[in-house]
Amino acid sequence: MKFLYQLIATIIISFLLQYFLPWWTMAIGTFALGYFFSNKGFISFCAGFLGVGILWLGMAMFIDASNQSILSEKINRLLPLNVFVLTTLIGGLVGGLASLAGTLLVEKK
C-alpha cells in the first residue's frame, strides 16, 4: 500500500516541481519521497521509475498532440528509437535512482 501512495505522491510532486522549476528538480522531490516513505530499495526504485516515467510519457504525449506531432516526426527520422520510449526511460531512470538514493539514506542511519 505504501508503494501506491509513493507512486501517486511522486507523480504529483514531480509535476508540481517541474511546472514551476527546471526539469531536474523532480529528482529532489523523488529523493525526499524515497526518504519519507522508506520502502525497500527495489520497491522505492520502481515507484520512482514508474511515477516519473508515467508523468513524462503523459507530458510528452500532451505536448506532441498540441503541436500536431511536428517535432516528434523530425526526431524520429534522426533517432531509430521512438521519442516517447526514450523520454519515458530517461525520466524513469532519473526518478527511480533518486528515490532509491533517498531510501538507501534511511537504511544507513
N, C-alpha and C. Protein backbone atom coordinates (compact mmCIF):
# COMPACT_ATOMS: atom_id res chain seq x y z
N MET A 1 0.82 -1.19 0.00
CA MET A 1 0.00 0.00 0.00
C MET A 1 0.87 1.26 0.00
N LYS A 2 2.04 1.20 0.68
CA LYS A 2 2.95 2.33 0.67
C LYS A 2 3.49 2.59 -0.73
N PHE A 3 3.62 1.51 -1.52
CA PHE A 3 4.08 1.67 -2.91
C PHE A 3 3.12 2.54 -3.71
N LEU A 4 1.83 2.28 -3.57
CA LEU A 4 0.82 3.05 -4.30
C LEU A 4 0.82 4.50 -3.85
N TYR A 5 0.92 4.73 -2.55
CA TYR A 5 0.97 6.11 -2.04
C TYR A 5 2.22 6.83 -2.54
N GLN A 6 3.35 6.13 -2.54
CA GLN A 6 4.58 6.75 -3.02
C GLN A 6 4.49 7.03 -4.51
N LEU A 7 3.88 6.14 -5.27
CA LEU A 7 3.72 6.33 -6.70
C LEU A 7 2.87 7.57 -7.01
N ILE A 8 1.74 7.70 -6.34
CA ILE A 8 0.86 8.84 -6.56
C ILE A 8 1.52 10.14 -6.10
N ALA A 9 2.18 10.08 -4.94
CA ALA A 9 2.87 11.28 -4.44
C ALA A 9 4.01 11.68 -5.37
N THR A 10 4.69 10.71 -5.95
CA THR A 10 5.78 11.00 -6.89
C THR A 10 5.25 11.73 -8.12
N ILE A 11 4.14 11.26 -8.65
CA ILE A 11 3.56 11.91 -9.83
C ILE A 11 3.16 13.35 -9.50
N ILE A 12 2.49 13.54 -8.38
CA ILE A 12 2.01 14.87 -8.02
C ILE A 12 3.16 15.83 -7.72
N ILE A 13 4.10 15.40 -6.89
CA ILE A 13 5.22 16.26 -6.51
C ILE A 13 6.10 16.57 -7.71
N SER A 14 6.38 15.57 -8.54
CA SER A 14 7.22 15.80 -9.71
C SER A 14 6.55 16.76 -10.68
N PHE A 15 5.25 16.63 -10.87
CA PHE A 15 4.55 17.55 -11.77
C PHE A 15 4.62 18.98 -11.25
N LEU A 16 4.36 19.15 -9.96
CA LEU A 16 4.38 20.50 -9.40
C LEU A 16 5.77 21.12 -9.45
N LEU A 17 6.79 20.32 -9.14
CA LEU A 17 8.16 20.86 -9.19
C LEU A 17 8.57 21.23 -10.60
N GLN A 18 8.24 20.38 -11.58
CA GLN A 18 8.63 20.67 -12.95
C GLN A 18 7.81 21.79 -13.57
N TYR A 19 6.66 22.04 -13.04
CA TYR A 19 5.82 23.10 -13.58
C TYR A 19 6.40 24.48 -13.25
N PHE A 20 6.98 24.60 -12.07
CA PHE A 20 7.49 25.90 -11.63
C PHE A 20 9.02 26.01 -11.70
N LEU A 21 9.73 24.91 -11.69
CA LEU A 21 11.19 24.91 -11.62
C LEU A 21 11.76 24.08 -12.78
N PRO A 22 13.08 24.01 -12.94
CA PRO A 22 13.67 23.20 -14.02
C PRO A 22 13.34 21.71 -13.87
N TRP A 23 13.56 20.96 -14.95
CA TRP A 23 13.17 19.56 -15.00
C TRP A 23 13.87 18.71 -13.94
N TRP A 24 15.11 19.03 -13.61
CA TRP A 24 15.89 18.18 -12.71
C TRP A 24 15.44 18.29 -11.25
N THR A 25 14.59 19.25 -10.91
CA THR A 25 14.13 19.36 -9.53
C THR A 25 13.22 18.21 -9.13
N MET A 26 12.68 17.49 -10.12
CA MET A 26 11.86 16.32 -9.76
C MET A 26 12.72 15.26 -9.08
N ALA A 27 14.01 15.24 -9.36
CA ALA A 27 14.89 14.29 -8.69
C ALA A 27 14.98 14.60 -7.20
N ILE A 28 14.97 15.88 -6.85
CA ILE A 28 14.99 16.27 -5.44
C ILE A 28 13.70 15.83 -4.75
N GLY A 29 12.58 16.00 -5.45
CA GLY A 29 11.29 15.58 -4.89
C GLY A 29 11.19 14.07 -4.72
N THR A 30 11.65 13.30 -5.71
CA THR A 30 11.59 11.84 -5.57
C THR A 30 12.59 11.35 -4.53
N PHE A 31 13.72 12.05 -4.38
CA PHE A 31 14.66 11.71 -3.33
C PHE A 31 14.00 11.89 -1.95
N ALA A 32 13.32 13.02 -1.77
CA ALA A 32 12.65 13.28 -0.49
C ALA A 32 11.53 12.28 -0.24
N LEU A 33 10.79 11.92 -1.28
CA LEU A 33 9.72 10.92 -1.10
C LEU A 33 10.28 9.54 -0.79
N GLY A 34 11.40 9.19 -1.42
CA GLY A 34 12.06 7.92 -1.09
C GLY A 34 12.52 7.88 0.36
N TYR A 35 13.01 9.01 0.84
CA TYR A 35 13.42 9.10 2.25
C TYR A 35 12.21 9.04 3.17
N PHE A 36 11.14 9.73 2.81
CA PHE A 36 9.96 9.81 3.66
C PHE A 36 9.23 8.46 3.75
N PHE A 37 9.01 7.80 2.62
CA PHE A 37 8.27 6.54 2.63
C PHE A 37 9.13 5.37 3.08
N SER A 38 10.42 5.42 2.83
CA SER A 38 11.40 4.40 3.23
C SER A 38 10.93 2.97 2.99
N ASN A 39 10.51 2.71 1.75
CA ASN A 39 10.20 1.34 1.33
C ASN A 39 11.50 0.56 1.16
N LYS A 40 11.39 -0.70 0.78
CA LYS A 40 12.57 -1.47 0.41
C LYS A 40 13.18 -0.84 -0.84
N GLY A 41 14.43 -1.13 -1.11
CA GLY A 41 15.14 -0.50 -2.21
C GLY A 41 14.49 -0.68 -3.56
N PHE A 42 14.16 -1.92 -3.93
CA PHE A 42 13.58 -2.19 -5.24
C PHE A 42 12.19 -1.59 -5.37
N ILE A 43 11.41 -1.65 -4.31
CA ILE A 43 10.06 -1.07 -4.32
C ILE A 43 10.13 0.44 -4.51
N SER A 44 11.06 1.08 -3.81
CA SER A 44 11.22 2.52 -3.93
C SER A 44 11.69 2.90 -5.33
N PHE A 45 12.62 2.13 -5.88
CA PHE A 45 13.09 2.40 -7.24
C PHE A 45 11.94 2.28 -8.23
N CYS A 46 11.14 1.24 -8.09
CA CYS A 46 10.01 1.05 -9.01
C CYS A 46 8.99 2.17 -8.89
N ALA A 47 8.73 2.64 -7.68
CA ALA A 47 7.78 3.75 -7.50
C ALA A 47 8.30 5.02 -8.16
N GLY A 48 9.56 5.32 -7.98
CA GLY A 48 10.14 6.50 -8.62
C GLY A 48 10.21 6.36 -10.12
N PHE A 49 10.58 5.18 -10.60
CA PHE A 49 10.68 4.93 -12.04
C PHE A 49 9.32 5.04 -12.70
N LEU A 50 8.34 4.36 -12.15
CA LEU A 50 7.00 4.39 -12.74
C LEU A 50 6.35 5.76 -12.62
N GLY A 51 6.52 6.40 -11.47
CA GLY A 51 5.90 7.70 -11.26
C GLY A 51 6.40 8.75 -12.24
N VAL A 52 7.70 8.89 -12.34
CA VAL A 52 8.26 9.90 -13.24
C VAL A 52 8.12 9.45 -14.70
N GLY A 53 8.25 8.15 -14.95
CA GLY A 53 8.09 7.65 -16.32
C GLY A 53 6.68 7.89 -16.85
N ILE A 54 5.68 7.60 -16.05
CA ILE A 54 4.30 7.84 -16.46
C ILE A 54 4.05 9.33 -16.65
N LEU A 55 4.56 10.13 -15.73
CA LEU A 55 4.39 11.58 -15.83
C LEU A 55 5.03 12.12 -17.11
N TRP A 56 6.26 11.75 -17.38
CA TRP A 56 6.95 12.25 -18.56
C TRP A 56 6.32 11.73 -19.85
N LEU A 57 5.83 10.50 -19.84
CA LEU A 57 5.14 9.98 -21.02
C LEU A 57 3.87 10.78 -21.29
N GLY A 58 3.10 11.03 -20.25
CA GLY A 58 1.88 11.82 -20.41
C GLY A 58 2.16 13.24 -20.86
N MET A 59 3.19 13.86 -20.28
CA MET A 59 3.53 15.23 -20.68
C MET A 59 4.04 15.27 -22.12
N ALA A 60 4.84 14.29 -22.52
CA ALA A 60 5.35 14.26 -23.89
C ALA A 60 4.22 14.03 -24.89
N MET A 61 3.28 13.18 -24.55
CA MET A 61 2.16 12.94 -25.46
C MET A 61 1.25 14.17 -25.55
N PHE A 62 1.08 14.88 -24.44
CA PHE A 62 0.27 16.09 -24.45
C PHE A 62 0.93 17.18 -25.30
N ILE A 63 2.22 17.37 -25.12
CA ILE A 63 2.94 18.37 -25.91
C ILE A 63 2.95 17.98 -27.39
N ASP A 64 3.13 16.69 -27.67
CA ASP A 64 3.14 16.22 -29.04
C ASP A 64 1.78 16.43 -29.71
N ALA A 65 0.71 16.20 -28.99
CA ALA A 65 -0.62 16.39 -29.55
C ALA A 65 -0.94 17.86 -29.75
N SER A 66 -0.39 18.72 -28.90
CA SER A 66 -0.69 20.14 -29.01
C SER A 66 0.02 20.82 -30.18
N ASN A 67 1.13 20.23 -30.67
CA ASN A 67 1.82 20.83 -31.81
C ASN A 67 1.73 19.96 -33.07
N GLN A 68 0.73 19.12 -33.16
CA GLN A 68 0.45 18.27 -34.32
C GLN A 68 1.64 17.36 -34.71
N SER A 69 2.38 16.90 -33.76
CA SER A 69 3.47 15.92 -33.93
C SER A 69 4.59 16.39 -34.85
N ILE A 70 4.81 17.67 -34.94
CA ILE A 70 5.84 18.19 -35.85
C ILE A 70 7.23 17.80 -35.37
N LEU A 71 7.53 18.07 -34.10
CA LEU A 71 8.87 17.81 -33.58
C LEU A 71 9.16 16.32 -33.47
N SER A 72 8.20 15.53 -33.02
CA SER A 72 8.45 14.10 -32.85
C SER A 72 8.69 13.40 -34.19
N GLU A 73 8.05 13.86 -35.25
CA GLU A 73 8.30 13.27 -36.57
C GLU A 73 9.73 13.55 -37.03
N LYS A 74 10.22 14.75 -36.78
CA LYS A 74 11.58 15.09 -37.18
C LYS A 74 12.61 14.33 -36.37
N ILE A 75 12.36 14.18 -35.07
CA ILE A 75 13.30 13.45 -34.22
C ILE A 75 13.28 11.96 -34.53
N ASN A 76 12.12 11.43 -34.88
CA ASN A 76 12.04 10.01 -35.23
C ASN A 76 12.81 9.70 -36.50
N ARG A 77 12.99 10.67 -37.38
CA ARG A 77 13.82 10.47 -38.56
C ARG A 77 15.30 10.38 -38.18
N LEU A 78 15.71 11.13 -37.14
CA LEU A 78 17.11 11.15 -36.74
C LEU A 78 17.50 9.96 -35.86
N LEU A 79 16.61 9.60 -34.93
CA LEU A 79 16.91 8.52 -33.98
C LEU A 79 16.11 7.27 -34.34
N PRO A 80 16.72 6.12 -34.25
CA PRO A 80 15.98 4.89 -34.58
C PRO A 80 14.98 4.48 -33.49
N LEU A 81 15.10 5.08 -32.30
CA LEU A 81 14.23 4.73 -31.18
C LEU A 81 13.08 5.72 -31.08
N ASN A 82 11.94 5.25 -30.67
CA ASN A 82 10.78 6.11 -30.52
C ASN A 82 11.05 7.19 -29.46
N VAL A 83 10.63 8.40 -29.73
CA VAL A 83 10.86 9.53 -28.82
C VAL A 83 10.17 9.31 -27.49
N PHE A 84 8.99 8.75 -27.50
CA PHE A 84 8.24 8.54 -26.26
C PHE A 84 8.90 7.48 -25.38
N VAL A 85 9.43 6.46 -25.98
CA VAL A 85 10.13 5.42 -25.21
C VAL A 85 11.39 6.01 -24.58
N LEU A 86 12.13 6.78 -25.37
CA LEU A 86 13.35 7.39 -24.87
C LEU A 86 13.07 8.36 -23.72
N THR A 87 12.04 9.18 -23.88
CA THR A 87 11.67 10.14 -22.84
C THR A 87 11.25 9.43 -21.56
N THR A 88 10.45 8.39 -21.70
CA THR A 88 9.99 7.64 -20.53
C THR A 88 11.15 6.97 -19.80
N LEU A 89 12.08 6.38 -20.55
CA LEU A 89 13.21 5.70 -19.92
C LEU A 89 14.14 6.67 -19.20
N ILE A 90 14.43 7.81 -19.82
CA ILE A 90 15.33 8.77 -19.18
C ILE A 90 14.70 9.33 -17.91
N GLY A 91 13.46 9.76 -18.00
CA GLY A 91 12.77 10.29 -16.82
C GLY A 91 12.61 9.24 -15.74
N GLY A 92 12.27 8.02 -16.15
CA GLY A 92 12.09 6.95 -15.18
C GLY A 92 13.38 6.60 -14.45
N LEU A 93 14.48 6.55 -15.18
CA LEU A 93 15.76 6.24 -14.53
C LEU A 93 16.18 7.33 -13.55
N VAL A 94 16.00 8.59 -13.93
CA VAL A 94 16.36 9.67 -13.01
C VAL A 94 15.49 9.60 -11.75
N GLY A 95 14.19 9.43 -11.93
CA GLY A 95 13.28 9.34 -10.78
C GLY A 95 13.53 8.11 -9.93
N GLY A 96 13.76 6.98 -10.57
CA GLY A 96 14.00 5.74 -9.83
C GLY A 96 15.29 5.77 -9.03
N LEU A 97 16.35 6.28 -9.64
CA LEU A 97 17.63 6.34 -8.91
C LEU A 97 17.60 7.37 -7.78
N ALA A 98 16.88 8.47 -7.98
CA ALA A 98 16.76 9.45 -6.90
C ALA A 98 15.96 8.88 -5.74
N SER A 99 14.89 8.16 -6.05
CA SER A 99 14.09 7.55 -5.00
C SER A 99 14.87 6.46 -4.27
N LEU A 100 15.63 5.69 -5.01
CA LEU A 100 16.46 4.67 -4.40
C LEU A 100 17.52 5.28 -3.49
N ALA A 101 18.11 6.39 -3.89
CA ALA A 101 19.10 7.07 -3.06
C ALA A 101 18.49 7.55 -1.77
N GLY A 102 17.25 8.08 -1.83
CA GLY A 102 16.58 8.52 -0.61
C GLY A 102 16.29 7.37 0.33
N THR A 103 15.90 6.24 -0.23
CA THR A 103 15.63 5.06 0.60
C THR A 103 16.92 4.53 1.21
N LEU A 104 17.98 4.49 0.45
CA LEU A 104 19.26 3.98 0.98
C LEU A 104 19.83 4.89 2.05
N LEU A 105 19.51 6.17 2.01
CA LEU A 105 19.95 7.08 3.05
C LEU A 105 19.29 6.74 4.38
N VAL A 106 18.03 6.32 4.34
CA VAL A 106 17.33 5.92 5.56
C VAL A 106 17.95 4.66 6.14
N GLU A 107 18.32 3.72 5.28
CA GLU A 107 18.88 2.47 5.75
C GLU A 107 20.27 2.65 6.34
N LYS A 108 20.97 3.73 6.02
CA LYS A 108 22.29 3.97 6.56
C LYS A 108 22.29 4.40 8.01
N LYS A 109 21.19 4.99 8.47
CA LYS A 109 21.14 5.52 9.84
C LYS A 109 21.31 4.43 10.87
